[in-house]
Amino acid sequence: MHRNVDHGAVPDGRTVIEFRFPDAPTKARSWWLVISEAGADVCDADPGYDVSVTVTAALRSMVKIWNGDLTSADAFRRDLVEVHGPTELRRAVPRWFTLSTFAAVPRPATA
């Protein structure tokens, strides 16, 4: 996801997103994405900065969103994703990311 940050949509300065995946193995449940003018860095340990927003979701739900198989709006409506933080930032999070380059690849039909 760090390669799919829309830097024009993210607030100026440093923005830190903590991702929590409750269904992941214990050591892989929390990840941080630090976004700044210099780029986006993924951290598997708390980088020590104030967290702007916290996103909690099953890993499968996040992958479906990123791959374009589930819209952010549907995920929020179905309570598959929770975002905690200031209202303005919570509402803006879906616009901070573009879909994976693989989102446009047709999926095989499911039975």
N, C-alpha and C. Protein backbone atom coordinates (compact mmCIF):
# COMPACT_ATOMS: atom_id res chain seq x y z
N MET A 1 0.81 -1.20 0.00
CA MET A 1 0.00 0.00 0.00
C MET A 1 0.85 1.26 0.00
N HIS A 2 2.05 1.17 0.57
CA HIS A 2 2.88 2.38 0.65
C HIS A 2 3.24 2.93 -0.72
N ARG A 3 3.18 2.08 -1.74
CA ARG A 3 3.46 2.54 -3.11
C ARG A 3 2.23 3.17 -3.75
N ASN A 4 1.09 3.05 -3.10
CA ASN A 4 -0.16 3.55 -3.66
C ASN A 4 -0.74 4.69 -2.84
N VAL A 5 0.12 5.45 -2.20
CA VAL A 5 -0.32 6.63 -1.45
C VAL A 5 -0.50 7.78 -2.43
N ASP A 6 -1.64 8.44 -2.35
CA ASP A 6 -1.88 9.64 -3.15
C ASP A 6 -1.41 10.82 -2.30
N HIS A 7 -0.16 11.21 -2.48
CA HIS A 7 0.44 12.25 -1.64
C HIS A 7 -0.29 13.58 -1.74
N GLY A 8 -0.98 13.82 -2.84
CA GLY A 8 -1.75 15.05 -2.97
C GLY A 8 -2.99 15.07 -2.10
N ALA A 9 -3.44 13.90 -1.66
CA ALA A 9 -4.65 13.81 -0.83
C ALA A 9 -4.35 13.78 0.66
N VAL A 10 -3.13 13.40 1.00
CA VAL A 10 -2.73 13.30 2.41
C VAL A 10 -2.39 14.69 2.95
N PRO A 11 -2.74 14.97 4.20
CA PRO A 11 -2.41 16.29 4.77
C PRO A 11 -0.91 16.58 4.70
N ASP A 12 -0.57 17.85 4.63
CA ASP A 12 0.84 18.25 4.63
C ASP A 12 1.49 17.84 5.95
N GLY A 13 2.80 17.70 5.90
CA GLY A 13 3.54 17.30 7.10
C GLY A 13 3.58 15.79 7.20
N ARG A 14 3.73 15.31 8.43
CA ARG A 14 3.83 13.86 8.65
C ARG A 14 2.45 13.34 9.05
N THR A 15 2.03 12.27 8.39
CA THR A 15 0.79 11.58 8.73
C THR A 15 1.16 10.14 9.06
N VAL A 16 0.69 9.66 10.20
CA VAL A 16 1.00 8.30 10.63
C VAL A 16 -0.30 7.52 10.75
N ILE A 17 -0.36 6.40 10.04
CA ILE A 17 -1.51 5.52 10.10
C ILE A 17 -1.06 4.23 10.77
N GLU A 18 -1.77 3.86 11.82
CA GLU A 18 -1.51 2.56 12.44
C GLU A 18 -2.56 1.60 11.90
N PHE A 19 -2.12 0.50 11.33
CA PHE A 19 -3.01 -0.54 10.85
C PHE A 19 -3.00 -1.68 11.86
N ARG A 20 -4.18 -2.09 12.27
CA ARG A 20 -4.31 -3.22 13.20
C ARG A 20 -5.09 -4.33 12.51
N PHE A 21 -4.49 -5.51 12.51
CA PHE A 21 -5.10 -6.69 11.90
C PHE A 21 -5.30 -7.75 12.99
N PRO A 22 -6.45 -7.73 13.66
CA PRO A 22 -6.67 -8.64 14.79
C PRO A 22 -6.56 -10.12 14.44
N ASP A 23 -6.78 -10.47 13.18
CA ASP A 23 -6.75 -11.88 12.77
C ASP A 23 -5.36 -12.35 12.35
N ALA A 24 -4.40 -11.46 12.33
CA ALA A 24 -3.03 -11.82 11.94
C ALA A 24 -2.29 -12.42 13.13
N PRO A 25 -1.20 -13.15 12.87
CA PRO A 25 -0.38 -13.65 13.97
C PRO A 25 0.05 -12.50 14.88
N THR A 26 0.21 -12.77 16.14
CA THR A 26 0.48 -11.75 17.15
C THR A 26 1.55 -10.75 16.73
N LYS A 27 2.68 -11.21 16.23
CA LYS A 27 3.78 -10.31 15.88
C LYS A 27 3.52 -9.48 14.63
N ALA A 28 2.46 -9.82 13.88
CA ALA A 28 2.17 -9.10 12.64
C ALA A 28 0.84 -8.35 12.72
N ARG A 29 0.34 -8.13 13.90
CA ARG A 29 -0.98 -7.49 14.05
C ARG A 29 -0.96 -5.98 13.87
N SER A 30 0.15 -5.35 14.16
CA SER A 30 0.21 -3.89 14.05
C SER A 30 1.31 -3.46 13.09
N TRP A 31 0.96 -2.52 12.20
CA TRP A 31 1.89 -1.94 11.24
C TRP A 31 1.65 -0.44 11.20
N TRP A 32 2.67 0.31 10.91
CA TRP A 32 2.56 1.76 10.83
C TRP A 32 3.01 2.21 9.45
N LEU A 33 2.29 3.16 8.90
CA LEU A 33 2.65 3.77 7.64
C LEU A 33 2.91 5.23 7.94
N VAL A 34 4.15 5.66 7.74
CA VAL A 34 4.55 7.05 8.00
C VAL A 34 4.66 7.74 6.64
N ILE A 35 3.78 8.72 6.44
CA ILE A 35 3.72 9.43 5.16
C ILE A 35 4.20 10.86 5.36
N SER A 36 5.14 11.27 4.52
CA SER A 36 5.64 12.64 4.57
C SER A 36 5.96 13.08 3.15
N GLU A 37 6.43 14.29 3.01
CA GLU A 37 6.80 14.79 1.69
C GLU A 37 7.91 13.94 1.07
N ALA A 38 8.72 13.29 1.91
CA ALA A 38 9.83 12.48 1.43
C ALA A 38 9.39 11.12 0.90
N GLY A 39 8.18 10.70 1.23
CA GLY A 39 7.70 9.40 0.77
C GLY A 39 6.85 8.74 1.83
N ALA A 40 6.75 7.42 1.73
CA ALA A 40 5.97 6.64 2.67
C ALA A 40 6.81 5.46 3.14
N ASP A 41 6.89 5.31 4.44
CA ASP A 41 7.67 4.23 5.03
C ASP A 41 6.75 3.30 5.82
N VAL A 42 6.95 2.00 5.65
CA VAL A 42 6.21 0.99 6.39
C VAL A 42 7.07 0.55 7.56
N CYS A 43 6.46 0.49 8.74
CA CYS A 43 7.18 0.09 9.94
C CYS A 43 6.46 -1.07 10.61
N ASP A 44 7.21 -2.09 11.02
CA ASP A 44 6.60 -3.20 11.75
C ASP A 44 6.78 -3.04 13.25
N ALA A 45 7.36 -1.91 13.65
CA ALA A 45 7.48 -1.54 15.06
C ALA A 45 7.06 -0.08 15.17
N ASP A 46 6.51 0.28 16.30
CA ASP A 46 6.03 1.65 16.51
C ASP A 46 7.17 2.63 16.23
N PRO A 47 6.98 3.54 15.27
CA PRO A 47 8.05 4.47 14.93
C PRO A 47 8.22 5.61 15.95
N GLY A 48 7.30 5.71 16.90
CA GLY A 48 7.43 6.71 17.94
C GLY A 48 6.77 8.04 17.65
N TYR A 49 6.09 8.17 16.53
CA TYR A 49 5.40 9.40 16.19
C TYR A 49 3.94 9.32 16.65
N ASP A 50 3.33 10.48 16.81
CA ASP A 50 1.90 10.50 17.12
C ASP A 50 1.14 9.88 15.96
N VAL A 51 0.18 9.01 16.29
CA VAL A 51 -0.64 8.35 15.27
C VAL A 51 -1.77 9.30 14.88
N SER A 52 -1.92 9.53 13.58
CA SER A 52 -2.98 10.39 13.07
C SER A 52 -4.32 9.67 13.06
N VAL A 53 -4.34 8.44 12.55
CA VAL A 53 -5.53 7.60 12.53
C VAL A 53 -5.12 6.15 12.73
N THR A 54 -6.04 5.38 13.29
CA THR A 54 -5.84 3.94 13.45
C THR A 54 -6.91 3.23 12.64
N VAL A 55 -6.48 2.31 11.79
CA VAL A 55 -7.38 1.53 10.95
C VAL A 55 -7.34 0.09 11.44
N THR A 56 -8.51 -0.44 11.80
CA THR A 56 -8.60 -1.82 12.28
C THR A 56 -9.50 -2.60 11.33
N ALA A 57 -8.99 -3.73 10.86
CA ALA A 57 -9.75 -4.57 9.92
C ALA A 57 -9.10 -5.93 9.84
N ALA A 58 -9.88 -6.89 9.39
CA ALA A 58 -9.31 -8.19 9.06
C ALA A 58 -8.38 -7.99 7.87
N LEU A 59 -7.30 -8.71 7.85
CA LEU A 59 -6.33 -8.58 6.76
C LEU A 59 -7.00 -8.86 5.40
N ARG A 60 -7.86 -9.85 5.35
CA ARG A 60 -8.55 -10.19 4.10
C ARG A 60 -9.39 -9.01 3.60
N SER A 61 -10.05 -8.30 4.50
CA SER A 61 -10.86 -7.15 4.10
C SER A 61 -9.99 -6.06 3.49
N MET A 62 -8.84 -5.79 4.11
CA MET A 62 -7.95 -4.76 3.58
C MET A 62 -7.41 -5.15 2.20
N VAL A 63 -7.09 -6.41 2.03
CA VAL A 63 -6.60 -6.86 0.72
C VAL A 63 -7.70 -6.72 -0.33
N LYS A 64 -8.93 -7.07 0.03
CA LYS A 64 -10.04 -6.93 -0.92
C LYS A 64 -10.25 -5.47 -1.32
N ILE A 65 -10.12 -4.57 -0.37
CA ILE A 65 -10.26 -3.13 -0.68
C ILE A 65 -9.15 -2.70 -1.62
N TRP A 66 -7.92 -3.04 -1.28
CA TRP A 66 -6.76 -2.62 -2.06
C TRP A 66 -6.80 -3.20 -3.48
N ASN A 67 -7.34 -4.41 -3.60
CA ASN A 67 -7.42 -5.05 -4.92
C ASN A 67 -8.65 -4.62 -5.72
N GLY A 68 -9.50 -3.79 -5.12
CA GLY A 68 -10.67 -3.31 -5.82
C GLY A 68 -11.84 -4.27 -5.80
N ASP A 69 -11.76 -5.33 -4.99
CA ASP A 69 -12.84 -6.31 -4.89
C ASP A 69 -13.91 -5.90 -3.88
N LEU A 70 -13.62 -4.89 -3.08
CA LEU A 70 -14.54 -4.36 -2.07
C LEU A 70 -14.29 -2.86 -1.98
N THR A 71 -15.34 -2.07 -2.08
CA THR A 71 -15.14 -0.62 -1.97
C THR A 71 -15.00 -0.24 -0.51
N SER A 72 -14.32 0.86 -0.28
CA SER A 72 -14.19 1.36 1.09
C SER A 72 -15.56 1.64 1.68
N ALA A 73 -16.44 2.23 0.87
CA ALA A 73 -17.78 2.56 1.35
C ALA A 73 -18.51 1.30 1.82
N ASP A 74 -18.44 0.23 1.04
CA ASP A 74 -19.09 -1.03 1.44
C ASP A 74 -18.44 -1.61 2.69
N ALA A 75 -17.13 -1.53 2.78
CA ALA A 75 -16.44 -2.05 3.95
C ALA A 75 -16.86 -1.30 5.22
N PHE A 76 -16.98 0.02 5.12
CA PHE A 76 -17.41 0.80 6.29
C PHE A 76 -18.87 0.50 6.61
N ARG A 77 -19.69 0.44 5.60
CA ARG A 77 -21.12 0.17 5.79
C ARG A 77 -21.34 -1.17 6.46
N ARG A 78 -20.53 -2.15 6.11
CA ARG A 78 -20.66 -3.50 6.66
C ARG A 78 -19.84 -3.70 7.94
N ASP A 79 -19.27 -2.61 8.45
CA ASP A 79 -18.45 -2.65 9.67
C ASP A 79 -17.26 -3.61 9.57
N LEU A 80 -16.70 -3.71 8.38
CA LEU A 80 -15.51 -4.54 8.17
C LEU A 80 -14.23 -3.77 8.48
N VAL A 81 -14.34 -2.44 8.49
CA VAL A 81 -13.19 -1.57 8.76
C VAL A 81 -13.63 -0.52 9.77
N GLU A 82 -12.76 -0.28 10.76
CA GLU A 82 -12.98 0.81 11.71
C GLU A 82 -11.81 1.77 11.59
N VAL A 83 -12.11 3.06 11.61
CA VAL A 83 -11.06 4.08 11.59
C VAL A 83 -11.28 4.97 12.79
N HIS A 84 -10.24 5.13 13.60
CA HIS A 84 -10.30 5.98 14.78
C HIS A 84 -9.34 7.14 14.61
N GLY A 85 -9.80 8.31 14.98
CA GLY A 85 -9.00 9.53 14.88
C GLY A 85 -9.94 10.70 14.68
N PRO A 86 -9.39 11.88 14.43
CA PRO A 86 -10.23 13.05 14.19
C PRO A 86 -11.17 12.82 13.00
N THR A 87 -12.39 13.32 13.11
CA THR A 87 -13.41 13.11 12.09
C THR A 87 -12.93 13.45 10.68
N GLU A 88 -12.29 14.59 10.52
CA GLU A 88 -11.82 15.01 9.20
C GLU A 88 -10.86 13.99 8.59
N LEU A 89 -9.96 13.45 9.40
CA LEU A 89 -9.00 12.47 8.90
C LEU A 89 -9.67 11.12 8.65
N ARG A 90 -10.56 10.71 9.54
CA ARG A 90 -11.27 9.43 9.36
C ARG A 90 -11.99 9.40 8.02
N ARG A 91 -12.66 10.50 7.70
CA ARG A 91 -13.41 10.55 6.45
C ARG A 91 -12.49 10.60 5.23
N ALA A 92 -11.30 11.10 5.39
CA ALA A 92 -10.38 11.28 4.26
C ALA A 92 -9.54 10.04 3.94
N VAL A 93 -9.38 9.14 4.89
CA VAL A 93 -8.48 7.99 4.71
C VAL A 93 -8.68 7.26 3.38
N PRO A 94 -9.91 6.93 2.95
CA PRO A 94 -10.04 6.20 1.68
C PRO A 94 -9.47 6.95 0.47
N ARG A 95 -9.42 8.25 0.52
CA ARG A 95 -8.88 9.04 -0.60
C ARG A 95 -7.35 9.09 -0.58
N TRP A 96 -6.74 8.64 0.47
CA TRP A 96 -5.28 8.70 0.58
C TRP A 96 -4.58 7.61 -0.22
N PHE A 97 -5.34 6.63 -0.70
CA PHE A 97 -4.74 5.49 -1.38
C PHE A 97 -5.37 5.26 -2.75
N THR A 98 -4.54 4.84 -3.68
CA THR A 98 -5.05 4.39 -4.96
C THR A 98 -5.09 2.86 -4.91
N LEU A 99 -5.82 2.25 -5.82
CA LEU A 99 -5.91 0.80 -5.83
C LEU A 99 -4.61 0.18 -6.33
N SER A 100 -4.43 -1.07 -6.02
CA SER A 100 -3.30 -1.84 -6.52
C SER A 100 -3.32 -1.84 -8.04
N THR A 101 -2.16 -1.93 -8.64
CA THR A 101 -2.10 -2.03 -10.10
C THR A 101 -2.79 -3.30 -10.59
N PHE A 102 -2.94 -4.28 -9.71
CA PHE A 102 -3.60 -5.53 -10.08
C PHE A 102 -5.12 -5.44 -9.98
N ALA A 103 -5.65 -4.34 -9.48
CA ALA A 103 -7.09 -4.19 -9.34
C ALA A 103 -7.79 -4.27 -10.70
N ALA A 104 -7.13 -3.87 -11.75
CA ALA A 104 -7.74 -3.86 -13.08
C ALA A 104 -7.70 -5.24 -13.76
N VAL A 105 -6.98 -6.18 -13.16
CA VAL A 105 -6.87 -7.51 -13.76
C VAL A 105 -8.17 -8.27 -13.51
N PRO A 106 -8.80 -8.79 -14.57
CA PRO A 106 -10.06 -9.54 -14.39
C PRO A 106 -9.85 -10.75 -13.49
N ARG A 107 -10.84 -11.02 -12.63
CA ARG A 107 -10.79 -12.16 -11.73
C ARG A 107 -11.51 -13.34 -12.38
N PRO A 108 -11.07 -14.55 -12.09
CA PRO A 108 -11.80 -15.72 -12.61
C PRO A 108 -13.18 -15.79 -11.94
N ALA A 109 -14.13 -16.33 -12.65
CA ALA A 109 -15.48 -16.48 -12.10
C ALA A 109 -15.42 -17.47 -10.94
N THR A 110 -16.19 -17.18 -9.88
CA THR A 110 -16.23 -18.07 -8.73
C THR A 110 -17.46 -18.96 -8.84
N ALA A 111 -17.35 -20.13 -8.28
CA ALA A 111 -18.46 -21.11 -8.35
C ALA A 111 -19.55 -20.76 -7.37
